[in-house]
């Protein structure tokens, strides 16, 4: 009876047919790394068939298989330039993958709120313009009032006071003449004493009027002029300040109006160059599968909306499970296959691995993945961003390595053992030193020799054997094994111990 199976499934086989020495050829593992030979022995006393595999020296390959998404390594990003606390909703957008020319409309954002704000701001601009015009008129009037007083009103008043003083001097001279003449007449008895007293009073009155006129003139020149000039100059400065403030307010309102008009123009997003539109639904920075870019979605300032990728520079953004990220190194070779192009195998090398996990998916929040960028070497012209890809990262490759199936290895107290099946059908538990391992095979550095038969899934028979006493082993790598370098987060012991 011939069976074709994977080593890790060997433990799940049903009890074999009771025929001794039936050989079971295996399949090629990991691209032909090993042709594994299994065989079944007669059932044990408990009735279960014993499945064994031969220890062999063969090429060993450790690869990590993960999924990813194709993207351009060089993109022209088109960002939202609309400033809004609430964001702007997408009204229309071109179909993803559409070819556009420079200047073609890519997306239209909702600008209704901005247009309402523009109307209100235009009213504010008109009010500011009116206030500025009034302030400028007031300033002009105050400057004119200052010139009017200095060159007109003051001189007019001064002349009036000078004229009054001149008349007062003439009246005083006449009063002196009248009094002198009245005294001469009074001595001769021609006028009465009362008339003489009246002329004396008229002289005193004329003297007082002259003094008053001179005082008014002095007050005008020494105090009134200076006070009035200062008041008028203060009005000029006040209106200058008001004009400057009104100009500033007007300029601010005008700039706000221009800014709103510019924001309205930003709502119409055009292609900056020829290219193919790819929505910026970037999954590396978010866990939700809901798209960010779609009609009705609200976008914020500086958010990337679409990308115009460079098709000559493509890369795969792979999602590396946290259990395997410590095995990834920059420069490791990668084979890339695309779901959209069956049979097409691309090549690349690991360029970078994120130091922090990607935001978790809300449906699988307990799983953590790290972003790994893998540039594609010589990308063909028929690949496009967004294509689902599978990557096979070559972690370690040995030309010759003695190895056994993982199902044949068990651990006790941080030590590893195999159950060896002898030709006389006896079994022996033997301690081994485990080197590198992949999902199917483990490299045995010492403890076994080629051709020996090891029992797969040996747990049912462990009670029939005794574990050997611990021995000191010196672990040595094969001569042709490449140095994998330091491994981030490596733990003591072999990875088999945790499988």
Protein backbone atom coordinates (compact mmCIF):
# COMPACT_ATOMS: atom_id res chain seq x y z
CA UNK A 1 0.00 0.00 0.00
CA UNK A 2 1.48 3.40 -1.05
CA UNK A 3 0.49 6.70 0.60
CA UNK A 4 1.55 10.27 -0.21
CA UNK A 5 1.45 12.55 2.83
CA UNK A 6 3.11 15.48 4.63
CA UNK A 7 5.21 14.61 7.65
CA UNK A 8 3.19 16.78 10.01
CA UNK A 9 0.09 14.78 9.09
CA UNK A 10 1.72 11.46 9.79
CA UNK A 11 0.46 11.39 13.35
CA UNK A 12 -3.11 11.67 12.10
CA UNK A 13 -3.01 8.46 10.02
CA UNK A 14 -5.54 5.74 10.92
CA UNK A 15 -4.19 2.36 12.05
CA UNK A 16 -2.36 0.79 9.17
CA UNK A 17 -3.25 -2.50 7.53
CA UNK A 18 -1.59 -5.39 9.35
CA UNK A 19 1.17 -5.92 6.79
CA UNK A 20 4.84 -5.77 7.87
CA UNK A 21 7.38 -3.48 6.24
CA UNK A 22 5.06 -1.44 4.01
CA UNK A 23 7.04 1.54 2.57
CA UNK A 24 5.29 4.90 2.31
CA UNK A 25 7.04 7.38 -0.03
CA UNK A 26 6.69 11.06 1.00
CA UNK A 27 6.36 14.23 -1.05
CA UNK A 28 8.99 16.86 -1.90
CA UNK A 29 9.14 19.41 0.93
CA UNK A 30 9.75 23.16 0.39
CA UNK A 31 10.73 23.22 -3.23
CA UNK A 32 12.45 19.84 -3.32
CA UNK A 33 14.51 20.26 -0.17
CA UNK A 34 13.97 16.69 0.97
CA UNK A 35 12.42 13.46 -0.32
CA UNK A 36 11.15 11.86 2.89
CA UNK A 37 10.63 8.12 3.19
CA UNK A 38 8.18 6.78 5.75
CA UNK A 39 7.32 3.23 6.63
CA UNK A 40 4.92 1.43 8.95
CA UNK A 41 5.76 -1.48 11.20
CA UNK A 42 3.59 -4.18 12.66
CA UNK A 43 1.12 -2.93 15.24
CA UNK A 44 2.30 -2.78 18.81
CA UNK A 45 0.70 -4.69 21.59
CA UNK A 46 -1.79 -1.84 21.99
CA UNK A 47 -2.98 -2.28 18.43
CA UNK A 48 -1.59 1.02 16.98
CA UNK A 49 0.67 0.94 13.91
CA UNK A 50 4.15 2.39 14.40
CA UNK A 51 4.97 4.96 11.73
CA UNK A 52 8.66 5.68 11.28
CA UNK A 53 10.86 7.86 9.08
CA UNK A 54 14.49 7.46 8.08
CA UNK A 55 17.13 9.93 9.20
CA UNK A 56 18.57 11.50 6.04
CA UNK A 57 21.16 14.05 5.00
CA UNK A 58 19.72 16.34 2.35
CA UNK A 59 19.44 20.03 1.46
CA UNK A 60 17.53 22.03 4.07
CA UNK A 61 15.50 25.15 3.42
CA UNK A 62 13.64 27.29 5.92
CA UNK A 63 11.12 29.66 4.35
CA UNK A 64 8.45 31.88 5.87
CA UNK A 65 5.21 32.17 3.92
CA UNK A 66 3.09 35.27 4.40
CA UNK A 67 0.55 37.29 2.47
CA UNK A 68 0.84 40.89 1.35
CA UNK A 69 -0.29 43.53 -1.08
CA UNK A 70 1.46 45.03 -4.05
CA UNK A 71 2.07 48.77 -3.99
CA UNK A 72 4.32 51.33 -5.57
CA UNK A 73 7.50 52.23 -3.74
CA UNK A 74 7.32 55.71 -5.25
CA UNK A 75 4.00 57.54 -5.24
CA UNK A 76 2.86 61.06 -5.95
CA UNK A 77 0.46 61.64 -3.09
CA UNK A 78 -2.55 63.89 -3.48
CA UNK A 79 -3.59 65.22 -0.08
CA UNK A 80 -6.61 67.05 1.27
CA UNK A 81 -5.78 70.74 1.64
CA UNK A 82 -9.14 71.85 3.04
CA UNK A 83 -8.89 73.16 6.60
CA UNK A 84 -11.95 72.26 8.62
CA UNK A 85 -12.47 71.05 12.17
CA UNK A 86 -15.28 68.75 11.02
CA UNK A 87 -13.52 67.65 7.82
CA UNK A 88 -14.93 67.63 4.30
CA UNK A 89 -17.12 64.94 2.79
CA UNK A 90 -16.32 63.36 -0.57
CA UNK A 91 -19.05 64.13 -3.09
CA UNK A 92 -17.66 62.49 -6.23
CA UNK A 93 -14.46 60.72 -7.20
CA UNK A 94 -13.13 58.87 -10.19
CA UNK A 95 -13.08 55.11 -10.27
CA UNK A 96 -9.98 53.56 -8.74
CA UNK A 97 -7.57 52.43 -11.42
CA UNK A 98 -8.69 55.10 -13.87
CA UNK A 99 -6.02 56.67 -16.05
CA UNK A 100 -6.04 60.47 -15.71
CA UNK A 101 -4.25 63.34 -17.38
CA UNK A 102 -2.70 66.31 -15.65
CA UNK A 103 -5.47 68.70 -14.62
CA UNK A 104 -8.29 66.14 -14.81
CA UNK A 105 -10.76 66.14 -11.93
CA UNK A 106 -10.01 63.35 -9.47
CA UNK A 107 -12.29 64.19 -6.57
CA UNK A 108 -14.85 66.81 -5.52
CA UNK A 109 -15.28 67.61 -1.84
CA UNK A 110 -18.36 69.20 -0.27
CA UNK A 111 -17.91 73.00 -0.34
CA UNK A 112 -21.43 74.10 0.68
CA UNK A 113 -20.37 75.18 4.17
CA UNK A 114 -17.41 77.07 2.75
CA UNK A 115 -19.68 78.92 0.31
CA UNK A 116 -21.97 79.98 3.17
CA UNK A 117 -18.93 81.19 5.07
CA UNK A 118 -17.81 83.10 1.99
CA UNK A 119 -21.11 85.01 1.87
CA UNK A 120 -20.86 85.92 5.55
CA UNK A 121 -17.25 86.95 5.15
CA UNK A 122 -18.08 89.14 2.15
CA UNK A 123 -20.51 91.03 4.39
CA UNK A 124 -17.74 91.46 6.97
CA UNK A 125 -15.43 92.78 4.26
CA UNK A 126 -18.03 95.35 3.18
CA UNK A 127 -18.52 96.48 6.78
CA UNK A 128 -14.77 96.79 7.27
CA UNK A 129 -14.49 98.80 4.07
CA UNK A 130 -17.22 101.20 5.26
CA UNK A 131 -15.53 101.63 8.65
CA UNK A 132 -12.22 102.30 6.93
CA UNK A 133 -13.78 104.92 4.64
CA UNK A 134 -15.40 106.65 7.63
CA UNK A 135 -12.14 106.61 9.57
CA UNK A 136 -10.27 108.08 6.62
CA UNK A 137 -12.90 110.84 6.27
CA UNK A 138 -12.65 111.64 9.98
CA UNK A 139 -8.87 111.82 9.71
CA UNK A 140 -9.09 114.17 6.75
CA UNK A 141 -11.55 116.41 8.62
CA UNK A 142 -9.37 116.55 11.72
CA UNK A 143 -6.29 117.47 9.71
CA UNK A 144 -8.29 120.15 7.91
CA UNK A 145 -9.58 121.51 11.25
CA UNK A 146 -6.00 121.81 12.50
CA UNK A 147 -4.89 123.70 9.43
CA UNK A 148 -8.03 125.84 9.56
CA UNK A 149 -7.34 126.92 13.12
CA UNK A 150 -3.63 127.54 12.67
CA UNK A 151 -4.01 129.43 9.41
CA UNK A 152 -7.47 130.98 9.84
CA UNK A 153 -9.44 130.93 13.02
CA UNK A 154 -6.53 131.83 15.28
CA UNK A 155 -5.46 134.74 13.09
CA UNK A 156 -9.02 135.94 12.81
CA UNK A 157 -9.49 135.90 16.57
CA UNK A 158 -6.13 137.53 17.10
CA UNK A 159 -7.01 140.36 14.72
CA UNK A 160 -10.34 140.83 16.45
CA UNK A 161 -8.67 141.14 19.86
CA UNK A 162 -6.02 143.48 18.45
CA UNK A 163 -8.75 145.67 16.93
CA UNK A 164 -10.59 145.77 20.25
CA UNK A 165 -7.40 146.80 22.03
CA UNK A 166 -6.79 149.52 19.45
CA UNK A 167 -10.31 150.91 19.95
CA UNK A 168 -9.85 150.75 23.71
CA UNK A 169 -6.64 152.79 23.42
CA UNK A 170 -8.44 155.42 21.33
CA UNK A 171 -11.30 155.56 23.79
CA UNK A 172 -8.82 155.97 26.64
CA UNK A 173 -7.08 158.85 24.83
CA UNK A 174 -10.41 160.62 24.22
CA UNK A 175 -11.50 160.05 27.82
CA UNK A 176 -8.28 161.74 29.00
CA UNK A 177 -8.90 164.73 26.69
CA UNK A 178 -12.53 165.04 27.80
CA UNK A 179 -11.58 164.90 31.47
CA UNK A 180 -8.78 167.46 31.07
CA UNK A 181 -11.15 169.81 29.21
CA UNK A 182 -13.91 169.22 31.77
CA UNK A 183 -11.59 170.15 34.62
CA UNK A 184 -10.67 173.44 32.85
CA UNK A 185 -14.37 174.22 32.35
CA UNK A 186 -15.19 173.29 35.93
CA UNK A 187 -12.62 175.76 37.22
CA UNK A 188 -14.40 178.53 35.32
CA UNK A 189 -17.76 177.30 36.51
CA UNK A 190 -19.09 176.31 33.10
CA UNK A 191 -19.96 172.67 34.04
CA UNK A 192 -21.24 171.16 37.16
CA UNK A 193 -19.44 168.84 39.53
CA UNK A 194 -21.61 165.95 38.40
CA UNK A 195 -20.49 166.35 34.81
CA UNK A 196 -16.89 166.35 35.95
CA UNK A 197 -17.43 163.12 37.86
CA UNK A 198 -19.00 161.53 34.74
CA UNK A 199 -15.98 162.39 32.66
CA UNK A 200 -13.71 160.98 35.37
CA UNK A 201 -15.74 157.70 35.36
CA UNK A 202 -15.51 157.51 31.56
CA UNK A 203 -11.74 157.70 31.82
CA UNK A 204 -11.64 154.82 34.29
CA UNK A 205 -13.93 152.76 32.11
CA UNK A 206 -11.78 153.28 29.04
CA UNK A 207 -8.71 152.23 31.04
CA UNK A 208 -10.36 148.99 32.12
CA UNK A 209 -11.52 148.17 28.61
CA UNK A 210 -8.00 148.61 27.29
CA UNK A 211 -6.61 146.31 29.99
CA UNK A 212 -9.30 143.69 29.16
CA UNK A 213 -8.50 143.78 25.45
CA UNK A 214 -4.80 143.33 26.12
CA UNK A 215 -5.52 140.46 28.53
CA UNK A 216 -7.69 138.65 25.96
CA UNK A 217 -5.00 139.04 23.39
CA UNK A 218 -2.35 137.66 25.75
CA UNK A 219 -4.54 134.71 26.74
CA UNK A 220 -5.21 133.91 23.08
CA UNK A 221 -1.54 133.93 22.17
CA UNK A 222 -0.17 132.23 25.27
CA UNK A 223 -2.82 129.63 26.19
CA UNK A 224 -5.82 129.32 23.90
CA UNK A 225 -3.80 128.77 20.76
CA UNK A 226 -1.59 126.08 22.32
CA UNK A 227 -4.53 124.28 23.94
CA UNK A 228 -6.64 124.27 20.80
CA UNK A 229 -3.75 123.13 18.62
CA UNK A 230 -3.03 120.23 20.97
CA UNK A 231 -6.69 119.17 20.99
CA UNK A 232 -6.87 119.27 17.22
CA UNK A 233 -3.59 117.36 16.88
CA UNK A 234 -4.88 114.77 19.35
CA UNK A 235 -7.94 114.31 17.15
CA UNK A 236 -5.65 113.85 14.15
CA UNK A 237 -3.66 111.13 15.96
CA UNK A 238 -6.84 109.45 17.17
CA UNK A 239 -8.25 109.20 13.69
CA UNK A 240 -4.88 108.06 12.31
CA UNK A 241 -4.99 105.17 14.79
CA UNK A 242 -8.58 104.46 13.84
CA UNK A 243 -7.64 104.44 10.18
CA UNK A 244 -4.74 102.03 10.84
CA UNK A 245 -7.01 99.75 12.90
CA UNK A 246 -9.71 99.85 10.25
CA UNK A 247 -7.16 99.10 7.53
CA UNK A 248 -5.85 96.14 9.53
CA UNK A 249 -9.37 94.82 10.12
CA UNK A 250 -10.18 95.27 6.46
CA UNK A 251 -7.03 93.45 5.36
CA UNK A 252 -7.73 90.58 7.77
CA UNK A 253 -11.29 90.26 6.49
CA UNK A 254 -10.08 90.36 2.89
CA UNK A 255 -7.47 87.67 3.60
CA UNK A 256 -10.08 85.52 5.29
CA UNK A 257 -12.31 85.93 2.27
CA UNK A 258 -9.45 85.00 -0.06
CA UNK A 259 -8.60 82.03 2.17
CA UNK A 260 -12.19 80.78 2.02
CA UNK A 261 -12.16 81.16 -1.75
CA UNK A 262 -8.89 79.22 -1.83
CA UNK A 263 -10.40 76.50 0.36
CA UNK A 264 -13.35 76.28 -2.03
CA UNK A 265 -10.87 75.87 -4.88
CA UNK A 266 -9.11 73.12 -2.89
CA UNK A 267 -12.38 71.18 -2.82
CA UNK A 268 -11.85 70.52 -6.50
CA UNK A 269 -8.94 68.09 -6.60
CA UNK A 270 -7.20 67.68 -9.93
CA UNK A 271 -4.43 65.33 -11.03
CA UNK A 272 -0.98 66.95 -10.66
CA UNK A 273 0.37 64.73 -13.44
CA UNK A 274 -0.56 61.86 -15.73
CA UNK A 275 -1.04 58.54 -13.98
CA UNK A 276 -3.34 55.87 -12.62
CA UNK A 277 -5.52 56.66 -9.61
CA UNK A 278 -5.08 54.48 -6.52
CA UNK A 279 -7.19 55.22 -3.45
CA UNK A 280 -5.21 55.77 -0.25
CA UNK A 281 -6.92 52.99 1.69
CA UNK A 282 -3.67 52.20 3.49
CA UNK A 283 -4.04 49.21 5.76
CA UNK A 284 -0.63 49.44 7.42
CA UNK A 285 -1.78 52.22 9.75
CA UNK A 286 -5.23 51.02 10.58
CA UNK A 287 -6.95 47.83 11.56
CA UNK A 288 -10.39 48.26 10.06
CA UNK A 289 -11.15 46.86 6.63
CA UNK A 290 -13.61 49.70 5.94
CA UNK A 291 -12.26 51.97 3.19
CA UNK A 292 -11.23 55.51 4.01
CA UNK A 293 -11.78 56.84 0.52
CA UNK A 294 -15.32 56.50 -0.80
CA UNK A 295 -18.24 58.76 -1.64
CA UNK A 296 -19.70 60.21 1.54
CA UNK A 297 -16.58 59.62 3.63
CA UNK A 298 -15.24 62.60 5.59
CA UNK A 299 -11.59 63.43 5.08
CA UNK A 300 -9.37 65.71 7.14
CA UNK A 301 -6.67 68.21 6.31
CA UNK A 302 -3.40 66.72 5.01
CA UNK A 303 -4.93 63.25 4.67
CA UNK A 304 -3.66 61.32 1.67
CA UNK A 305 -6.60 60.87 -0.69
CA UNK A 306 -5.16 59.18 -3.77
CA UNK A 307 -1.77 58.14 -5.05
CA UNK A 308 -0.40 58.21 -8.56
CA UNK A 309 2.10 55.33 -8.41
CA UNK A 310 5.30 54.87 -10.38
CA UNK A 311 4.80 51.48 -12.12
CA UNK A 312 8.55 51.00 -12.56
CA UNK A 313 9.14 50.88 -8.78
CA UNK A 314 6.89 48.32 -7.12
CA UNK A 315 7.08 46.63 -3.75
CA UNK A 316 5.11 44.17 -1.64
CA UNK A 317 3.87 45.23 1.77
CA UNK A 318 3.84 41.90 3.60
CA UNK A 319 2.20 41.23 6.96
CA UNK A 320 4.58 39.20 9.14
CA UNK A 321 3.11 37.34 12.09
CA UNK A 322 4.72 38.26 15.41
CA UNK A 323 5.77 34.62 15.97
CA UNK A 324 8.07 34.79 12.92
CA UNK A 325 9.15 38.42 12.74
CA UNK A 326 12.38 37.73 14.66
CA UNK A 327 13.51 35.49 11.77
CA UNK A 328 13.27 38.27 9.17
CA UNK A 329 16.44 40.18 8.20
CA UNK A 330 17.11 42.90 5.65
CA UNK A 331 18.53 41.48 2.45
CA UNK A 332 16.84 38.06 2.66
CA UNK A 333 15.75 36.75 -0.72
CA UNK A 334 12.03 36.52 -1.44
CA UNK A 335 9.92 34.73 -4.03
CA UNK A 336 6.67 36.55 -4.82
CA UNK A 337 3.55 35.13 -6.43
CA UNK A 338 0.43 37.07 -7.37
CA UNK A 339 -3.12 35.76 -7.17
CA UNK A 340 -4.03 37.73 -10.29
CA UNK A 341 -1.18 36.22 -12.34
CA UNK A 342 -1.01 32.48 -11.61
CA UNK A 343 2.31 30.94 -12.53
CA UNK A 344 4.17 34.28 -12.42
CA UNK A 345 6.98 34.26 -9.86
CA UNK A 346 8.74 37.52 -9.06
CA UNK A 347 11.81 38.04 -6.93
CA UNK A 348 12.81 40.59 -4.35
CA UNK A 349 14.70 41.20 -1.14
CA UNK A 350 13.57 42.30 2.30
CA UNK A 351 14.17 46.04 2.56
CA UNK A 352 12.77 46.87 5.99
CA UNK A 353 10.69 45.48 8.85
CA UNK A 354 8.65 47.75 11.07
CA UNK A 355 9.73 48.05 14.69
CA UNK A 356 6.13 48.32 15.83
CA UNK A 357 3.12 46.16 15.03
CA UNK A 358 0.46 47.27 12.63
CA UNK A 359 -2.83 48.43 14.22
CA UNK A 360 -4.85 45.33 14.97
CA UNK A 361 -7.90 44.33 13.05
CA UNK A 362 -10.93 44.79 15.33
CA UNK A 363 -12.12 41.31 14.39
CA UNK A 364 -8.75 39.70 15.21
CA UNK A 365 -7.38 42.03 17.88
CA UNK A 366 -5.34 39.23 19.49
CA UNK A 367 -3.15 38.80 16.37
CA UNK A 368 -0.22 41.13 15.78
CA UNK A 369 1.53 41.67 12.46
CA UNK A 370 4.55 43.69 11.42
CA UNK A 371 4.84 45.51 8.11
CA UNK A 372 7.65 44.24 5.86
CA UNK A 373 8.57 46.10 2.66
CA UNK A 374 9.93 43.97 -0.18
CA UNK A 375 10.93 45.80 -3.40
CA UNK A 376 10.23 43.80 -6.56
CA UNK A 377 13.18 43.23 -8.87
CA UNK A 378 12.36 44.16 -12.50
CA UNK A 379 8.57 44.40 -12.08
CA UNK A 380 6.62 43.49 -15.25
CA UNK A 381 4.34 46.06 -16.83
CA UNK A 382 1.16 44.05 -16.26
CA UNK A 383 1.21 44.23 -12.45
CA UNK A 384 -0.83 46.83 -10.60
CA UNK A 385 -0.92 48.27 -7.10
CA UNK A 386 -3.34 46.54 -4.77
CA UNK A 387 -2.82 43.03 -6.14
CA UNK A 388 -2.87 40.33 -3.47
CA UNK A 389 0.45 38.57 -3.21
CA UNK A 390 2.09 35.72 -1.37
CA UNK A 391 5.72 35.95 -0.34
CA UNK A 392 8.15 33.17 0.49
CA UNK A 393 11.05 34.60 2.49
CA UNK A 394 14.23 32.50 2.47
CA UNK A 395 15.42 32.51 6.08
CA UNK A 396 18.07 29.79 5.98
CA UNK A 397 19.41 27.32 3.40
CA UNK A 398 21.86 24.45 3.98
CA UNK A 399 23.34 22.36 1.19
CA UNK A 400 23.70 19.29 3.40
CA UNK A 401 22.00 18.75 6.75
CA UNK A 402 20.99 15.66 8.72
CA UNK A 403 17.31 16.02 9.52
CA UNK A 404 14.20 14.32 10.82
CA UNK A 405 10.49 15.23 10.72
CA UNK A 406 9.33 17.54 13.47
CA UNK A 407 6.76 14.92 14.43
CA UNK A 408 9.61 12.65 15.55
CA UNK A 409 11.04 15.13 18.07
CA UNK A 410 9.78 15.55 21.62
CA UNK A 411 11.09 17.65 24.49
CA UNK A 412 11.60 17.02 28.17
CA UNK A 413 13.11 19.64 30.52
CA UNK A 414 14.50 21.74 27.68
CA UNK A 415 16.14 18.72 26.09
CA UNK A 416 15.15 17.09 22.83
CA UNK A 417 14.78 13.40 22.08
CA UNK A 418 13.84 10.96 19.32
CA UNK A 419 12.48 7.47 19.66
CA UNK A 420 14.73 5.25 17.50
CA UNK A 421 13.26 2.04 16.04
CA UNK A 422 15.81 -0.76 15.68
CA UNK A 423 15.78 -3.61 13.17
CA UNK A 424 14.79 -6.04 15.91
CA UNK A 425 11.73 -3.80 16.46
CA UNK A 426 13.03 -2.57 19.78
CA UNK A 427 12.85 1.16 20.57
CA UNK A 428 15.34 3.47 22.24
CA UNK A 429 14.91 7.06 23.45
CA UNK A 430 17.95 9.05 22.32
CA UNK A 431 18.87 12.62 23.18
CA UNK A 432 19.62 14.83 20.18
CA UNK A 433 20.89 18.33 19.55
CA UNK A 434 18.50 20.26 17.34
CA UNK A 435 19.66 22.99 14.97
CA UNK A 436 17.52 24.94 12.53
CA UNK A 437 13.96 23.91 11.79
CA UNK A 438 11.10 24.77 9.47
CA UNK A 439 7.43 23.88 9.49
CA UNK A 440 8.15 20.23 8.66
CA UNK A 441 11.74 19.25 9.42
CA UNK A 442 14.35 19.74 12.13
CA UNK A 443 18.12 19.64 11.61
CA UNK A 444 19.86 17.18 13.95
CA UNK A 445 23.41 18.25 14.76
CA UNK A 446 24.29 15.13 16.73
CA UNK A 447 22.63 12.11 18.31
CA UNK A 448 21.50 10.33 15.15
CA UNK A 449 23.04 8.83 12.03
CA UNK A 450 21.73 8.51 8.50
CA UNK A 451 19.46 5.57 7.89
CA UNK A 452 18.20 5.17 11.44
CA UNK A 453 14.45 4.94 11.79
CA UNK A 454 12.73 7.40 14.14
CA UNK A 455 9.18 7.01 15.36
CA UNK A 456 6.71 9.68 14.36
CA UNK A 457 4.39 10.94 17.09
CA UNK A 458 6.14 8.78 19.68
CA UNK A 459 4.04 9.77 22.68
CA UNK A 460 2.02 6.50 22.85
CA UNK A 461 5.25 4.47 23.26
CA UNK A 462 7.20 6.66 25.67
CA UNK A 463 6.04 4.61 28.67
CA UNK A 464 7.88 1.60 27.18
CA UNK A 465 11.29 3.32 27.14
CA UNK A 466 13.50 5.21 29.56
CA UNK A 467 15.02 8.59 28.80
CA UNK A 468 18.80 8.60 28.81
CA UNK A 469 20.73 10.54 31.42
CA UNK A 470 21.47 14.12 30.38
CA UNK A 471 24.73 14.51 28.49
CA UNK A 472 26.81 17.54 27.69
CA UNK A 473 26.70 18.34 24.00
CA UNK A 474 28.67 20.76 21.89
CA UNK A 475 26.48 22.33 19.29
CA UNK A 476 28.22 22.91 15.96
CA UNK A 477 26.69 24.26 12.80
CA UNK A 478 27.28 22.56 9.42
CA UNK A 479 30.34 23.81 7.59
CA UNK A 480 28.35 25.23 4.70
CA UNK A 481 25.67 26.89 6.82
CA UNK A 482 25.42 30.66 6.28
CA UNK A 483 25.60 32.85 9.35
CA UNK A 484 22.03 34.01 10.00
CA UNK A 485 23.26 36.85 12.22
CA UNK A 486 21.78 37.91 15.57
CA UNK A 487 18.11 37.28 15.93
CA UNK A 488 15.90 39.80 17.60
CA UNK A 489 14.05 38.38 20.59
CA UNK A 490 15.68 34.90 20.32
CA UNK A 491 15.03 32.51 23.21
CA UNK A 492 17.21 29.85 24.72
CA UNK A 493 16.70 26.42 23.20
CA UNK A 494 15.38 25.26 19.84
CA UNK A 495 12.16 26.42 18.25
CA UNK A 496 11.09 22.76 18.26
CA UNK A 497 10.59 22.94 22.00
CA UNK A 498 7.61 25.23 21.58
CA UNK A 499 5.98 23.39 18.69
